[in-house]
Amino acid sequence: MPRYLVAYYSWTGTTEKVANLIAKLLSADVERIMEVNPRRGRLAFPAAVFASLLKTSPPIEPANTVVSEYDVVLLGCPVWASSMATPMRTFIMRANPNIKQVGLFCTLGGSGGNATLAQLAASCGQASAADLVLDRQALVSGAWRGLTETFALEVQAGQAENRTASSRVRAVA
């Protein structure tokens, strides 16, 4: 049975809600990415956007999990200025060599979801097993739940395909 890890950064709690549902659906472990210096105050949002545009990598708390112990790591974050939230960049830089297979999800109030997923995949150096973009409409209407369930099923189906392909390779070798 594959082992799943849901690693996410959430500033407002929206991405956290999605991450927790994914974890429940896949019986996954959860890694919450926390900044050493959390963003607060009225200038926090403009500062976050500026940091995203500069592609900074802020310090984050040490992980509680060992990424290499998981078959699939599902990475989720909000979209800031059509880019991944900067704490996720730091997490990927630390974990990247140890990620075997990745699934990606993001939440956003504006635009840039697909660009963010492409950036996440490029940062991981691999294609995603499954992608999920949840915009404001899906989040407000409640449609995000069904879309998230579909995403979890795609992740599981991808793992089943990989197991079958691995079996075929072993049978041929």
C-alpha atoms as a PDB file:
ATOM      1  CA  MET A   1       0.000   0.000   0.000  1.00  0.00           C
ATOM      2  CA  PRO A   2       1.508   3.356  -0.997  1.00  0.00           C
ATOM      3  CA  ARG A   3       2.434   5.877   1.659  1.00  0.00           C
ATOM      4  CA  TYR A   4       1.221   9.419   1.090  1.00  0.00           C
ATOM      5  CA  LEU A   5       2.360  12.693   2.606  1.00  0.00           C
ATOM      6  CA  VAL A   6       0.397  15.920   2.240  1.00  0.00           C
ATOM      7  CA  ALA A   7       2.801  18.838   2.729  1.00  0.00           C
ATOM      8  CA  TYR A   8       1.167  22.233   2.620  1.00  0.00           C
ATOM      9  CA  TYR A   9       1.569  25.892   3.455  1.00  0.00           C
ATOM     10  CA  SER A  10      -1.543  27.853   4.376  1.00  0.00           C
ATOM     11  CA  TRP A  11      -1.665  31.454   5.444  1.00  0.00           C
ATOM     12  CA  THR A  12      -5.415  31.964   5.877  1.00  0.00           C
ATOM     13  CA  GLY A  13      -6.531  28.374   6.494  1.00  0.00           C
ATOM     14  CA  THR A  14      -8.035  27.754   3.044  1.00  0.00           C
ATOM     15  CA  THR A  15      -5.232  25.539   1.752  1.00  0.00           C
ATOM     16  CA  GLU A  16      -5.144  23.789   5.126  1.00  0.00           C
ATOM     17  CA  LYS A  17      -8.804  22.820   4.762  1.00  0.00           C
ATOM     18  CA  VAL A  18      -8.112  21.272   1.350  1.00  0.00           C
ATOM     19  CA  ALA A  19      -4.941  19.534   2.593  1.00  0.00           C
ATOM     20  CA  ASN A  20      -6.801  17.958   5.505  1.00  0.00           C
ATOM     21  CA  LEU A  21      -9.496  16.572   3.216  1.00  0.00           C
ATOM     22  CA  ILE A  22      -6.869  15.111   0.877  1.00  0.00           C
ATOM     23  CA  ALA A  23      -5.091  13.550   3.852  1.00  0.00           C
ATOM     24  CA  LYS A  24      -8.345  12.041   5.091  1.00  0.00           C
ATOM     25  CA  LEU A  25      -9.249  10.631   1.660  1.00  0.00           C
ATOM     26  CA  LEU A  26      -5.808   9.050   1.169  1.00  0.00           C
ATOM     27  CA  SER A  27      -5.091   8.127   4.790  1.00  0.00           C
ATOM     28  CA  ALA A  28      -2.021  10.324   4.398  1.00  0.00           C
ATOM     29  CA  ASP A  29       0.341  11.839   6.906  1.00  0.00           C
ATOM     30  CA  VAL A  30       0.376  15.635   7.053  1.00  0.00           C
ATOM     31  CA  GLU A  31       3.265  18.109   7.158  1.00  0.00           C
ATOM     32  CA  ARG A  32       2.278  21.705   7.807  1.00  0.00           C
ATOM     33  CA  ILE A  33       4.933  24.075   6.514  1.00  0.00           C
ATOM     34  CA  MET A  34       5.458  26.872   9.014  1.00  0.00           C
ATOM     35  CA  GLU A  35       7.508  30.031   8.570  1.00  0.00           C
ATOM     36  CA  VAL A  36      10.023  30.859  11.278  1.00  0.00           C
ATOM     37  CA  ASN A  37       8.687  34.448  11.212  1.00  0.00           C
ATOM     38  CA  PRO A  38       4.952  34.251  10.400  1.00  0.00           C
ATOM     39  CA  ARG A  39       3.515  37.104   8.341  1.00  0.00           C
ATOM     40  CA  ARG A  40       1.387  39.540  10.353  1.00  0.00           C
ATOM     41  CA  GLY A  41       0.060  43.058  10.139  1.00  0.00           C
ATOM     42  CA  ARG A  42      -1.406  45.238   7.459  1.00  0.00           C
ATOM     43  CA  LEU A  43       1.712  45.110   5.265  1.00  0.00           C
ATOM     44  CA  ALA A  44       1.911  41.316   5.355  1.00  0.00           C
ATOM     45  CA  PHE A  45       0.009  40.751   2.113  1.00  0.00           C
ATOM     46  CA  PRO A  46       1.941  43.291   0.006  1.00  0.00           C
ATOM     47  CA  ALA A  47       5.173  41.917   1.477  1.00  0.00           C
ATOM     48  CA  ALA A  48       4.119  38.361   0.544  1.00  0.00           C
ATOM     49  CA  VAL A  49       3.363  39.410  -3.033  1.00  0.00           C
ATOM     50  CA  PHE A  50       6.687  41.235  -3.298  1.00  0.00           C
ATOM     51  CA  ALA A  51       8.576  38.208  -1.891  1.00  0.00           C
ATOM     52  CA  SER A  52       6.813  35.982  -4.393  1.00  0.00           C
ATOM     53  CA  LEU A  53       7.758  38.219  -7.300  1.00  0.00           C
ATOM     54  CA  LEU A  54      11.380  38.140  -6.125  1.00  0.00           C
ATOM     55  CA  LYS A  55      11.173  34.340  -5.706  1.00  0.00           C
ATOM     56  CA  THR A  56      12.592  34.463  -2.197  1.00  0.00           C
ATOM     57  CA  SER A  57      12.895  31.445   0.072  1.00  0.00           C
ATOM     58  CA  PRO A  58      12.054  32.404   3.658  1.00  0.00           C
ATOM     59  CA  PRO A  59      13.219  30.318   6.608  1.00  0.00           C
ATOM     60  CA  ILE A  60      10.755  27.617   7.626  1.00  0.00           C
ATOM     61  CA  GLU A  61      10.522  25.398  10.688  1.00  0.00           C
ATOM     62  CA  PRO A  62      12.200  21.969  10.431  1.00  0.00           C
ATOM     63  CA  ALA A  63       9.984  19.241   8.980  1.00  0.00           C
ATOM     64  CA  ASN A  64       8.384  16.675  11.252  1.00  0.00           C
ATOM     65  CA  THR A  65       8.453  13.995   8.552  1.00  0.00           C
ATOM     66  CA  VAL A  66      11.079  12.350   6.367  1.00  0.00           C
ATOM     67  CA  VAL A  67       9.997  12.871   2.758  1.00  0.00           C
ATOM     68  CA  SER A  68      11.984   9.892   1.430  1.00  0.00           C
ATOM     69  CA  GLU A  69       9.740   7.529   3.446  1.00  0.00           C
ATOM     70  CA  TYR A  70       6.738   8.339   1.236  1.00  0.00           C
ATOM     71  CA  ASP A  71       5.787   7.013  -2.183  1.00  0.00           C
ATOM     72  CA  VAL A  72       3.860  10.168  -3.113  1.00  0.00           C
ATOM     73  CA  VAL A  73       4.218  13.684  -1.711  1.00  0.00           C
ATOM     74  CA  LEU A  74       1.254  15.970  -2.334  1.00  0.00           C
ATOM     75  CA  LEU A  75       2.296  19.613  -2.224  1.00  0.00           C
ATOM     76  CA  GLY A  76      -0.223  22.398  -1.704  1.00  0.00           C
ATOM     77  CA  CYS A  77      -0.039  26.151  -1.294  1.00  0.00           C
ATOM     78  CA  PRO A  78      -1.855  29.375  -2.061  1.00  0.00           C
ATOM     79  CA  VAL A  79      -1.054  31.355  -5.198  1.00  0.00           C
ATOM     80  CA  TRP A  80       0.729  34.658  -4.597  1.00  0.00           C
ATOM     81  CA  ALA A  81       1.167  36.931  -7.641  1.00  0.00           C
ATOM     82  CA  SER A  82       0.693  33.981 -10.046  1.00  0.00           C
ATOM     83  CA  SER A  83       3.418  32.081  -8.209  1.00  0.00           C
ATOM     84  CA  MET A  84       3.790  29.567  -5.413  1.00  0.00           C
ATOM     85  CA  ALA A  85       3.794  30.880  -1.860  1.00  0.00           C
ATOM     86  CA  THR A  86       7.422  31.403  -0.904  1.00  0.00           C
ATOM     87  CA  PRO A  87       7.488  29.004   2.094  1.00  0.00           C
ATOM     88  CA  MET A  88       6.665  26.176  -0.324  1.00  0.00           C
ATOM     89  CA  ARG A  89       9.739  27.113  -2.375  1.00  0.00           C
ATOM     90  CA  THR A  90      11.894  26.643   0.727  1.00  0.00           C
ATOM     91  CA  PHE A  91      10.273  23.286   1.505  1.00  0.00           C
ATOM     92  CA  ILE A  92      10.837  21.997  -2.030  1.00  0.00           C
ATOM     93  CA  MET A  93      14.474  23.125  -1.985  1.00  0.00           C
ATOM     94  CA  ARG A  94      14.998  21.009   1.146  1.00  0.00           C
ATOM     95  CA  ALA A  95      12.943  17.985   0.106  1.00  0.00           C
ATOM     96  CA  ASN A  96      13.368  17.828  -3.674  1.00  0.00           C
ATOM     97  CA  PRO A  97      16.024  15.126  -4.023  1.00  0.00           C
ATOM     98  CA  ASN A  98      13.922  12.844  -1.816  1.00  0.00           C
ATOM     99  CA  ILE A  99      10.528  13.210  -3.522  1.00  0.00           C
ATOM    100  CA  LYS A 100       9.749  10.008  -5.434  1.00  0.00           C
ATOM    101  CA  GLN A 101       6.443  11.095  -6.981  1.00  0.00           C
ATOM    102  CA  VAL A 102       4.522  14.336  -6.596  1.00  0.00           C
ATOM    103  CA  GLY A 103       0.925  15.544  -6.772  1.00  0.00           C
ATOM    104  CA  LEU A 104       0.181  19.273  -6.743  1.00  0.00           C
ATOM    105  CA  PHE A 105      -2.658  21.477  -5.572  1.00  0.00           C
ATOM    106  CA  CYS A 106      -3.181  25.190  -5.060  1.00  0.00           C
ATOM    107  CA  THR A 107      -5.824  27.613  -3.903  1.00  0.00           C
ATOM    108  CA  LEU A 108      -6.321  31.107  -5.251  1.00  0.00           C
ATOM    109  CA  GLY A 109      -8.555  34.115  -5.181  1.00  0.00           C
ATOM    110  CA  GLY A 110      -7.442  35.545  -8.518  1.00  0.00           C
ATOM    111  CA  SER A 111      -5.491  34.002 -11.360  1.00  0.00           C
ATOM    112  CA  GLY A 112      -2.279  32.085 -11.961  1.00  0.00           C
ATOM    113  CA  GLY A 113      -3.209  28.591 -10.775  1.00  0.00           C
ATOM    114  CA  ASN A 114      -1.864  26.723 -13.793  1.00  0.00           C
ATOM    115  CA  ALA A 115       1.303  28.820 -13.829  1.00  0.00           C
ATOM    116  CA  THR A 116       1.809  27.998 -10.154  1.00  0.00           C
ATOM    117  CA  LEU A 117       1.384  24.262 -10.774  1.00  0.00           C
ATOM    118  CA  ALA A 118       3.917  24.450 -13.608  1.00  0.00           C
ATOM    119  CA  GLN A 119       6.324  26.282 -11.311  1.00  0.00           C
ATOM    120  CA  LEU A 120       5.842  23.689  -8.556  1.00  0.00           C
ATOM    121  CA  ALA A 121       6.461  20.811 -10.986  1.00  0.00           C
ATOM    122  CA  ALA A 122       9.576  22.513 -12.379  1.00  0.00           C
ATOM    123  CA  SER A 123      10.874  23.092  -8.851  1.00  0.00           C
ATOM    124  CA  CYS A 124      10.391  19.399  -8.101  1.00  0.00           C
ATOM    125  CA  GLY A 125      12.021  18.403 -11.387  1.00  0.00           C
ATOM    126  CA  GLN A 126       9.220  16.048 -12.343  1.00  0.00           C
ATOM    127  CA  ALA A 127       5.730  15.900 -13.779  1.00  0.00           C
ATOM    128  CA  SER A 128       2.849  15.720 -11.359  1.00  0.00           C
ATOM    129  CA  ALA A 129       0.779  12.545 -10.884  1.00  0.00           C
ATOM    130  CA  ALA A 130      -2.309  14.746 -10.457  1.00  0.00           C
ATOM    131  CA  ASP A 131      -3.081  18.468 -10.339  1.00  0.00           C
ATOM    132  CA  LEU A 132      -5.767  20.488  -8.585  1.00  0.00           C
ATOM    133  CA  VAL A 133      -6.489  24.220  -8.891  1.00  0.00           C
ATOM    134  CA  LEU A 134      -9.200  25.562  -6.604  1.00  0.00           C
ATOM    135  CA  ASP A 135     -10.294  29.100  -7.390  1.00  0.00           C
ATOM    136  CA  ARG A 136     -12.468  31.413  -5.337  1.00  0.00           C
ATOM    137  CA  GLN A 137     -15.670  30.208  -7.028  1.00  0.00           C
ATOM    138  CA  ALA A 138     -14.984  26.539  -6.212  1.00  0.00           C
ATOM    139  CA  LEU A 139     -14.006  27.434  -2.658  1.00  0.00           C
ATOM    140  CA  VAL A 140     -17.052  29.629  -1.980  1.00  0.00           C
ATOM    141  CA  SER A 141     -19.610  27.355  -3.665  1.00  0.00           C
ATOM    142  CA  GLY A 142     -18.396  24.202  -1.929  1.00  0.00           C
ATOM    143  CA  ALA A 143     -17.489  22.564  -5.263  1.00  0.00           C
ATOM    144  CA  TRP A 144     -13.935  22.219  -3.934  1.00  0.00           C
ATOM    145  CA  ARG A 145     -14.944  19.097  -1.993  1.00  0.00           C
ATOM    146  CA  GLY A 146     -15.954  17.119  -5.088  1.00  0.00           C
ATOM    147  CA  LEU A 147     -12.956  18.384  -7.038  1.00  0.00           C
ATOM    148  CA  THR A 148     -10.677  17.364  -4.166  1.00  0.00           C
ATOM    149  CA  GLU A 149     -12.217  13.887  -4.055  1.00  0.00           C
ATOM    150  CA  THR A 150     -11.583  13.520  -7.792  1.00  0.00           C
ATOM    151  CA  PHE A 151      -7.979  14.655  -7.267  1.00  0.00           C
ATOM    152  CA  ALA A 152      -7.470  12.004  -4.563  1.00  0.00           C
ATOM    153  CA  LEU A 153      -8.863   9.330  -6.885  1.00  0.00           C
ATOM    154  CA  GLU A 154      -6.464  10.463  -9.646  1.00  0.00           C
ATOM    155  CA  VAL A 155      -3.542  10.203  -7.222  1.00  0.00           C
ATOM    156  CA  GLN A 156      -4.577   6.663  -6.284  1.00  0.00           C
ATOM    157  CA  ALA A 157      -5.083   5.696  -9.945  1.00  0.00           C
ATOM    158  CA  GLY A 158      -1.620   7.044 -10.769  1.00  0.00           C
ATOM    159  CA  GLN A 159      -0.130   4.865  -8.060  1.00  0.00           C
ATOM    160  CA  ALA A 160      -1.988   1.820  -9.412  1.00  0.00           C
ATOM    161  CA  GLU A 161      -0.601   2.529 -12.915  1.00  0.00           C
ATOM    162  CA  ASN A 162       2.925   2.864 -11.513  1.00  0.00           C
ATOM    163  CA  ARG A 163       2.622  -0.443  -9.651  1.00  0.00           C
ATOM    164  CA  THR A 164       1.416  -2.161 -12.834  1.00  0.00           C
ATOM    165  CA  ALA A 165       4.211  -0.637 -14.901  1.00  0.00           C
ATOM    166  CA  SER A 166       6.772  -1.686 -12.275  1.00  0.00           C
ATOM    167  CA  SER A 167       5.390  -5.222 -12.315  1.00  0.00           C
ATOM    168  CA  ARG A 168       5.672  -5.364 -16.094  1.00  0.00           C
ATOM    169  CA  VAL A 169       9.264  -4.135 -15.969  1.00  0.00           C
ATOM    170  CA  ARG A 170      10.177  -6.792 -13.423  1.00  0.00           C
ATOM    171  CA  ALA A 171       8.431  -9.495 -15.473  1.00  0.00           C
ATOM    172  CA  VAL A 172      10.374  -8.520 -18.612  1.00  0.00           C
ATOM    173  CA  ALA A 173      13.747  -8.209 -16.870  1.00  0.00           C
END
